[in-house]
Every structure is written in structure tokens, then in C-alpha cells.
Amino acid sequence: MEKTSLTVTWRCAQPGLWIASHRAGAAGIVVERWTEGFEVTSASGRALGTFPRLDDAKTALERAVAMERARSAMR
């Protein structure tokens, strides 16, 4: 497993598929689309976009997780 931030842990499940998790459970996935880049989907199924680099895709999901946590803390 690869830890890239304080809240999200990454695991490469198979070539072209990365799964993100955090303390509360699933965070989302990144799927490599050979001609398009890296597609990001949150655990709730929300498409977060397609990014040219894997690092950019992971960062997008990590930011979405952080935003969701901040929203939850405000409730």
C-alpha cells in the first residue's frame, strides 16, 4: 500500500486500477484509460474528472475526500 496523504491510503488492485481508502472506509478509485488519462470516481460514484497524470488523479480524489470531511465537520 502507498500512503500519499494523512487521510488516504492507495492500493494498486491490478494494472490500471488504484483503490483509495481512509479511516471511514472506501474513498474511491482511479482507472487508467489508455488514450484519455486517469479517470477518478469517488466512493459515492461521483465522477471527478479525467487527468493526464496518475499523481494529478490521486490528488483530485484526496482533495475531494478532504472537502467531504470538512463539510461533515461543519454539520
PDB file of N, CA and C in Angstrom:
ATOM      1  N   MET A   1       0.831  -1.175   0.000  1.00  0.00           N
ATOM      2  CA  MET A   1       0.000   0.000   0.000  1.00  0.00           C
ATOM      3  C   MET A   1       0.880   1.243   0.000  1.00  0.00           C
ATOM      4  N   GLU A   2       0.364   2.292  -0.599  1.00  0.00           N
ATOM      5  CA  GLU A   2       1.102   3.540  -0.698  1.00  0.00           C
ATOM      6  C   GLU A   2       0.297   4.630  -0.003  1.00  0.00           C
ATOM      7  N   LYS A   3       0.924   5.280   0.968  1.00  0.00           N
ATOM      8  CA  LYS A   3       0.243   6.354   1.690  1.00  0.00           C
ATOM      9  C   LYS A   3       0.728   7.676   1.123  1.00  0.00           C
ATOM     10  N   THR A   4      -0.183   8.455   0.527  1.00  0.00           N
ATOM     11  CA  THR A   4       0.208   9.706  -0.104  1.00  0.00           C
ATOM     12  C   THR A   4      -0.288  10.925   0.647  1.00  0.00           C
ATOM     13  N   SER A   5      -1.127  10.748   1.640  1.00  0.00           N
ATOM     14  CA  SER A   5      -1.594  11.878   2.441  1.00  0.00           C
ATOM     15  C   SER A   5      -1.963  11.364   3.821  1.00  0.00           C
ATOM     16  N   LEU A   6      -2.349  12.255   4.700  1.00  0.00           N
ATOM     17  CA  LEU A   6      -2.702  11.849   6.049  1.00  0.00           C
ATOM     18  C   LEU A   6      -3.986  11.037   6.102  1.00  0.00           C
ATOM     19  N   THR A   7      -4.884  11.234   5.152  1.00  0.00           N
ATOM     20  CA  THR A   7      -6.189  10.600   5.253  1.00  0.00           C
ATOM     21  C   THR A   7      -6.451   9.498   4.242  1.00  0.00           C
ATOM     22  N   VAL A   8      -5.699   9.433   3.168  1.00  0.00           N
ATOM     23  CA  VAL A   8      -5.995   8.475   2.094  1.00  0.00           C
ATOM     24  C   VAL A   8      -4.835   7.507   1.911  1.00  0.00           C
ATOM     25  N   THR A   9      -5.160   6.220   1.811  1.00  0.00           N
ATOM     26  CA  THR A   9      -4.178   5.177   1.526  1.00  0.00           C
ATOM     27  C   THR A   9      -4.521   4.572   0.171  1.00  0.00           C
ATOM     28  N   TRP A  10      -3.518   4.382  -0.660  1.00  0.00           N
ATOM     29  CA  TRP A  10      -3.708   3.848  -2.012  1.00  0.00           C
ATOM     30  C   TRP A  10      -3.205   2.423  -2.131  1.00  0.00           C
ATOM     31  N   ARG A  11      -3.931   1.640  -2.947  1.00  0.00           N
ATOM     32  CA  ARG A  11      -3.536   0.264  -3.244  1.00  0.00           C
ATOM     33  C   ARG A  11      -3.762   0.019  -4.731  1.00  0.00           C
ATOM     34  N   CYS A  12      -2.771  -0.530  -5.402  1.00  0.00           N
ATOM     35  CA  CYS A  12      -2.931  -0.895  -6.814  1.00  0.00           C
ATOM     36  C   CYS A  12      -3.528  -2.303  -6.849  1.00  0.00           C
ATOM     37  N   ALA A  13      -4.806  -2.400  -7.177  1.00  0.00           N
ATOM     38  CA  ALA A  13      -5.518  -3.676  -7.158  1.00  0.00           C
ATOM     39  C   ALA A  13      -5.137  -4.563  -8.337  1.00  0.00           C
ATOM     40  N   GLN A  14      -4.860  -3.933  -9.465  1.00  0.00           N
ATOM     41  CA  GLN A  14      -4.436  -4.625 -10.678  1.00  0.00           C
ATOM     42  C   GLN A  14      -3.874  -3.555 -11.601  1.00  0.00           C
ATOM     43  N   PRO A  15      -3.174  -3.930 -12.655  1.00  0.00           N
ATOM     44  CA  PRO A  15      -2.636  -2.912 -13.548  1.00  0.00           C
ATOM     45  C   PRO A  15      -3.757  -1.991 -14.053  1.00  0.00           C
ATOM     46  N   GLY A  16      -3.560  -0.682 -13.849  1.00  0.00           N
ATOM     47  CA  GLY A  16      -4.534   0.298 -14.325  1.00  0.00           C
ATOM     48  C   GLY A  16      -5.676   0.598 -13.370  1.00  0.00           C
ATOM     49  N   LEU A  17      -5.639   0.054 -12.146  1.00  0.00           N
ATOM     50  CA  LEU A  17      -6.713   0.289 -11.182  1.00  0.00           C
ATOM     51  C   LEU A  17      -6.130   0.534  -9.797  1.00  0.00           C
ATOM     52  N   TRP A  18      -6.396   1.724  -9.249  1.00  0.00           N
ATOM     53  CA  TRP A  18      -5.936   2.094  -7.916  1.00  0.00           C
ATOM     54  C   TRP A  18      -7.154   2.341  -7.037  1.00  0.00           C
ATOM     55  N   ILE A  19      -7.127   1.802  -5.837  1.00  0.00           N
ATOM     56  CA  ILE A  19      -8.235   1.929  -4.896  1.00  0.00           C
ATOM     57  C   ILE A  19      -7.764   2.767  -3.717  1.00  0.00           C
ATOM     58  N   ALA A  20      -8.573   3.752  -3.358  1.00  0.00           N
ATOM     59  CA  ALA A  20      -8.251   4.633  -2.236  1.00  0.00           C
ATOM     60  C   ALA A  20      -9.174   4.336  -1.069  1.00  0.00           C
ATOM     61  N   SER A  21      -8.601   4.365   0.125  1.00  0.00           N
ATOM     62  CA  SER A  21      -9.406   4.186   1.331  1.00  0.00           C
ATOM     63  C   SER A  21      -8.944   5.170   2.384  1.00  0.00           C
ATOM     64  N   HIS A  22      -9.792   5.361   3.387  1.00  0.00           N
ATOM     65  CA  HIS A  22      -9.446   6.216   4.520  1.00  0.00           C
ATOM     66  C   HIS A  22     -10.078   5.622   5.762  1.00  0.00           C
ATOM     67  N   ARG A  23      -9.908   6.276   6.886  1.00  0.00           N
ATOM     68  CA  ARG A  23     -10.384   5.708   8.150  1.00  0.00           C
ATOM     69  C   ARG A  23     -11.855   5.316   8.135  1.00  0.00           C
ATOM     70  N   ALA A  24     -12.678   6.072   7.424  1.00  0.00           N
ATOM     71  CA  ALA A  24     -14.116   5.791   7.395  1.00  0.00           C
ATOM     72  C   ALA A  24     -14.489   4.708   6.374  1.00  0.00           C
ATOM     73  N   GLY A  25     -13.535   4.249   5.571  1.00  0.00           N
ATOM     74  CA  GLY A  25     -13.824   3.202   4.586  1.00  0.00           C
ATOM     75  C   GLY A  25     -13.325   3.563   3.199  1.00  0.00           C
ATOM     76  N   ALA A  26     -14.097   3.195   2.191  1.00  0.00           N
ATOM     77  CA  ALA A  26     -13.714   3.432   0.797  1.00  0.00           C
ATOM     78  C   ALA A  26     -13.721   4.926   0.485  1.00  0.00           C
ATOM     79  N   ALA A  27     -12.751   5.359  -0.333  1.00  0.00           N
ATOM     80  CA  ALA A  27     -12.675   6.763  -0.737  1.00  0.00           C
ATOM     81  C   ALA A  27     -12.968   6.927  -2.226  1.00  0.00           C
ATOM     82  N   GLY A  28     -12.591   5.920  -3.033  1.00  0.00           N
ATOM     83  CA  GLY A  28     -12.833   5.999  -4.471  1.00  0.00           C
ATOM     84  C   GLY A  28     -11.809   5.203  -5.245  1.00  0.00           C
ATOM     85  N   ILE A  29     -11.829   5.397  -6.562  1.00  0.00           N
ATOM     86  CA  ILE A  29     -10.915   4.663  -7.434  1.00  0.00           C
ATOM     87  C   ILE A  29     -10.355   5.571  -8.523  1.00  0.00           C
ATOM     88  N   VAL A  30      -9.222   5.146  -9.059  1.00  0.00           N
ATOM     89  CA  VAL A  30      -8.634   5.751 -10.254  1.00  0.00           C
ATOM     90  C   VAL A  30      -8.445   4.614 -11.259  1.00  0.00           C
ATOM     91  N   VAL A  31      -8.942   4.837 -12.478  1.00  0.00           N
ATOM     92  CA  VAL A  31      -8.829   3.844 -13.545  1.00  0.00           C
ATOM     93  C   VAL A  31      -8.054   4.461 -14.697  1.00  0.00           C
ATOM     94  N   GLU A  32      -7.050   3.751 -15.190  1.00  0.00           N
ATOM     95  CA  GLU A  32      -6.295   4.245 -16.337  1.00  0.00           C
ATOM     96  C   GLU A  32      -7.076   3.986 -17.614  1.00  0.00           C
ATOM     97  N   ARG A  33      -7.313   5.056 -18.373  1.00  0.00           N
ATOM     98  CA  ARG A  33      -7.938   4.971 -19.693  1.00  0.00           C
ATOM     99  C   ARG A  33      -6.831   5.238 -20.700  1.00  0.00           C
ATOM    100  N   TRP A  34      -6.438   4.199 -21.399  1.00  0.00           N
ATOM    101  CA  TRP A  34      -5.210   4.219 -22.197  1.00  0.00           C
ATOM    102  C   TRP A  34      -5.028   5.454 -23.052  1.00  0.00           C
ATOM    103  N   THR A  35      -6.026   5.932 -23.725  1.00  0.00           N
ATOM    104  CA  THR A  35      -5.842   7.077 -24.616  1.00  0.00           C
ATOM    105  C   THR A  35      -6.300   8.387 -24.001  1.00  0.00           C
ATOM    106  N   GLU A  36      -6.929   8.327 -22.833  1.00  0.00           N
ATOM    107  CA  GLU A  36      -7.520   9.529 -22.251  1.00  0.00           C
ATOM    108  C   GLU A  36      -6.830  10.023 -20.988  1.00  0.00           C
ATOM    109  N   GLY A  37      -6.209   9.157 -20.226  1.00  0.00           N
ATOM    110  CA  GLY A  37      -5.589   9.541 -18.972  1.00  0.00           C
ATOM    111  C   GLY A  37      -6.117   8.694 -17.825  1.00  0.00           C
ATOM    112  N   PHE A  38      -6.289   9.318 -16.668  1.00  0.00           N
ATOM    113  CA  PHE A  38      -6.686   8.615 -15.451  1.00  0.00           C
ATOM    114  C   PHE A  38      -8.019   9.163 -14.952  1.00  0.00           C
ATOM    115  N   GLU A  39      -9.018   8.318 -14.951  1.00  0.00           N
ATOM    116  CA  GLU A  39     -10.378   8.698 -14.591  1.00  0.00           C
ATOM    117  C   GLU A  39     -10.611   8.460 -13.103  1.00  0.00           C
ATOM    118  N   VAL A  40     -11.160   9.461 -12.417  1.00  0.00           N
ATOM    119  CA  VAL A  40     -11.359   9.403 -10.969  1.00  0.00           C
ATOM    120  C   VAL A  40     -12.848   9.335 -10.650  1.00  0.00           C
ATOM    121  N   THR A  41     -13.201   8.412  -9.751  1.00  0.00           N
ATOM    122  CA  THR A  41     -14.578   8.267  -9.283  1.00  0.00           C
ATOM    123  C   THR A  41     -14.560   8.160  -7.760  1.00  0.00           C
ATOM    124  N   SER A  42     -15.419   8.943  -7.103  1.00  0.00           N
ATOM    125  CA  SER A  42     -15.494   8.893  -5.645  1.00  0.00           C
ATOM    126  C   SER A  42     -16.215   7.625  -5.201  1.00  0.00           C
ATOM    127  N   ALA A  43     -16.158   7.349  -3.913  1.00  0.00           N
ATOM    128  CA  ALA A  43     -16.830   6.161  -3.370  1.00  0.00           C
ATOM    129  C   ALA A  43     -18.337   6.240  -3.543  1.00  0.00           C
ATOM    130  N   SER A  44     -18.871   7.460  -3.649  1.00  0.00           N
ATOM    131  CA  SER A  44     -20.318   7.615  -3.848  1.00  0.00           C
ATOM    132  C   SER A  44     -20.710   7.508  -5.316  1.00  0.00           C
ATOM    133  N   GLY A  45     -19.714   7.333  -6.196  1.00  0.00           N
ATOM    134  CA  GLY A  45     -19.986   7.175  -7.623  1.00  0.00           C
ATOM    135  C   GLY A  45     -19.898   8.466  -8.419  1.00  0.00           C
ATOM    136  N   ARG A  46     -19.515   9.546  -7.783  1.00  0.00           N
ATOM    137  CA  ARG A  46     -19.406  10.840  -8.463  1.00  0.00           C
ATOM    138  C   ARG A  46     -18.134  10.897  -9.306  1.00  0.00           C
ATOM    139  N   ALA A  47     -18.290  11.209 -10.586  1.00  0.00           N
ATOM    140  CA  ALA A  47     -17.138  11.358 -11.473  1.00  0.00           C
ATOM    141  C   ALA A  47     -16.426  12.661 -11.144  1.00  0.00           C
ATOM    142  N   LEU A  48     -15.124  12.581 -10.878  1.00  0.00           N
ATOM    143  CA  LEU A  48     -14.344  13.760 -10.520  1.00  0.00           C
ATOM    144  C   LEU A  48     -13.493  14.268 -11.670  1.00  0.00           C
ATOM    145  N   GLY A  49     -13.498  13.567 -12.774  1.00  0.00           N
ATOM    146  CA  GLY A  49     -12.769  14.017 -13.951  1.00  0.00           C
ATOM    147  C   GLY A  49     -11.723  13.029 -14.427  1.00  0.00           C
ATOM    148  N   THR A  50     -11.098  13.391 -15.539  1.00  0.00           N
ATOM    149  CA  THR A  50     -10.015  12.607 -16.130  1.00  0.00           C
ATOM    150  C   THR A  50      -8.779  13.500 -16.155  1.00  0.00           C
ATOM    151  N   PHE A  51      -7.661  12.944 -15.739  1.00  0.00           N
ATOM    152  CA  PHE A  51      -6.436  13.708 -15.567  1.00  0.00           C
ATOM    153  C   PHE A  51      -5.310  13.080 -16.373  1.00  0.00           C
ATOM    154  N   PRO A  52      -4.365  13.898 -16.857  1.00  0.00           N
ATOM    155  CA  PRO A  52      -3.300  13.361 -17.710  1.00  0.00           C
ATOM    156  C   PRO A  52      -2.284  12.506 -16.965  1.00  0.00           C
ATOM    157  N   ARG A  53      -2.122  12.746 -15.654  1.00  0.00           N
ATOM    158  CA  ARG A  53      -1.122  12.005 -14.873  1.00  0.00           C
ATOM    159  C   ARG A  53      -1.773  11.328 -13.674  1.00  0.00           C
ATOM    160  N   LEU A  54      -1.228  10.199 -13.271  1.00  0.00           N
ATOM    161  CA  LEU A  54      -1.735   9.464 -12.116  1.00  0.00           C
ATOM    162  C   LEU A  54      -1.679  10.318 -10.856  1.00  0.00           C
ATOM    163  N   ASP A  55      -0.588  11.019 -10.646  1.00  0.00           N
ATOM    164  CA  ASP A  55      -0.462  11.860  -9.447  1.00  0.00           C
ATOM    165  C   ASP A  55      -1.557  12.919  -9.386  1.00  0.00           C
ATOM    166  N   ASP A  56      -1.897  13.495 -10.531  1.00  0.00           N
ATOM    167  CA  ASP A  56      -2.961  14.505 -10.570  1.00  0.00           C
ATOM    168  C   ASP A  56      -4.311  13.887 -10.206  1.00  0.00           C
ATOM    169  N   ALA A  57      -4.556  12.682 -10.691  1.00  0.00           N
ATOM    170  CA  ALA A  57      -5.814  11.988 -10.398  1.00  0.00           C
ATOM    171  C   ALA A  57      -5.918  11.662  -8.911  1.00  0.00           C
ATOM    172  N   LYS A  58      -4.840  11.172  -8.332  1.00  0.00           N
ATOM    173  CA  LYS A  58      -4.838  10.858  -6.898  1.00  0.00           C
ATOM    174  C   LYS A  58      -5.067  12.120  -6.070  1.00  0.00           C
ATOM    175  N   THR A  59      -4.417  13.197  -6.453  1.00  0.00           N
ATOM    176  CA  THR A  59      -4.579  14.457  -5.733  1.00  0.00           C
ATOM    177  C   THR A  59      -6.024  14.940  -5.796  1.00  0.00           C
ATOM    178  N   ALA A  60      -6.663  14.799  -6.932  1.00  0.00           N
ATOM    179  CA  ALA A  60      -8.064  15.218  -7.070  1.00  0.00           C
ATOM    180  C   ALA A  60      -8.964  14.443  -6.111  1.00  0.00           C
ATOM    181  N   LEU A  61      -8.745  13.157  -5.997  1.00  0.00           N
ATOM    182  CA  LEU A  61      -9.561  12.353  -5.088  1.00  0.00           C
ATOM    183  C   LEU A  61      -9.250  12.698  -3.627  1.00  0.00           C
ATOM    184  N   GLU A  62      -7.989  12.884  -3.312  1.00  0.00           N
ATOM    185  CA  GLU A  62      -7.617  13.256  -1.947  1.00  0.00           C
ATOM    186  C   GLU A  62      -8.245  14.588  -1.549  1.00  0.00           C
ATOM    187  N   ARG A  63      -8.275  15.547  -2.470  1.00  0.00           N
ATOM    188  CA  ARG A  63      -8.919  16.839  -2.190  1.00  0.00           C
ATOM    189  C   ARG A  63     -10.416  16.673  -1.987  1.00  0.00           C
ATOM    190  N   ALA A  64     -11.038  15.830  -2.792  1.00  0.00           N
ATOM    191  CA  ALA A  64     -12.480  15.588  -2.641  1.00  0.00           C
ATOM    192  C   ALA A  64     -12.787  14.970  -1.284  1.00  0.00           C
ATOM    193  N   VAL A  65     -11.949  14.046  -0.841  1.00  0.00           N
ATOM    194  CA  VAL A  65     -12.121  13.430   0.484  1.00  0.00           C
ATOM    195  C   VAL A  65     -11.976  14.488   1.569  1.00  0.00           C
ATOM    196  N   ALA A  66     -10.968  15.342   1.453  1.00  0.00           N
ATOM    197  CA  ALA A  66     -10.753  16.396   2.444  1.00  0.00           C
ATOM    198  C   ALA A  66     -11.930  17.364   2.492  1.00  0.00           C
ATOM    199  N   MET A  67     -12.469  17.716   1.330  1.00  0.00           N
ATOM    200  CA  MET A  67     -13.630  18.621   1.274  1.00  0.00           C
ATOM    201  C   MET A  67     -14.846  17.981   1.935  1.00  0.00           C
ATOM    202  N   GLU A  68     -15.052  16.705   1.670  1.00  0.00           N
ATOM    203  CA  GLU A  68     -16.190  15.996   2.256  1.00  0.00           C
ATOM    204  C   GLU A  68     -16.052  15.924   3.776  1.00  0.00           C
ATOM    205  N   ARG A  69     -14.856  15.678   4.240  1.00  0.00           N
ATOM    206  CA  ARG A  69     -14.618  15.645   5.693  1.00  0.00           C
ATOM    207  C   ARG A  69     -14.872  17.001   6.317  1.00  0.00           C
ATOM    208  N   ALA A  70     -14.455  18.068   5.641  1.00  0.00           N
ATOM    209  CA  ALA A  70     -14.673  19.411   6.157  1.00  0.00           C
ATOM    210  C   ALA A  70     -16.172  19.731   6.209  1.00  0.00           C
ATOM    211  N   ARG A  71     -16.899  19.335   5.171  1.00  0.00           N
ATOM    212  CA  ARG A  71     -18.357  19.548   5.156  1.00  0.00           C
ATOM    213  C   ARG A  71     -19.015  18.781   6.285  1.00  0.00           C
ATOM    214  N   SER A  72     -18.598  17.548   6.508  1.00  0.00           N
ATOM    215  CA  SER A  72     -19.174  16.726   7.576  1.00  0.00           C
ATOM    216  C   SER A  72     -18.914  17.331   8.946  1.00  0.00           C
ATOM    217  N   ALA A  73     -17.737  17.913   9.116  1.00  0.00           N
ATOM    218  CA  ALA A  73     -17.383  18.520  10.407  1.00  0.00           C
ATOM    219  C   ALA A  73     -18.221  19.763  10.693  1.00  0.00           C
ATOM    220  N   MET A  74     -18.687  20.422   9.638  1.00  0.00           N
ATOM    221  CA  MET A  74     -19.494  21.638   9.813  1.00  0.00           C
ATOM    222  C   MET A  74     -20.953  21.331  10.153  1.00  0.00           C
ATOM    223  N   ARG A  75     -21.373  20.111   9.939  1.00  0.00           N
ATOM    224  CA  ARG A  75     -22.777  19.759  10.186  1.00  0.00           C
ATOM    225  C   ARG A  75     -23.071  19.588  11.640  1.00  0.00           C
TER     226      ARG A  75
END
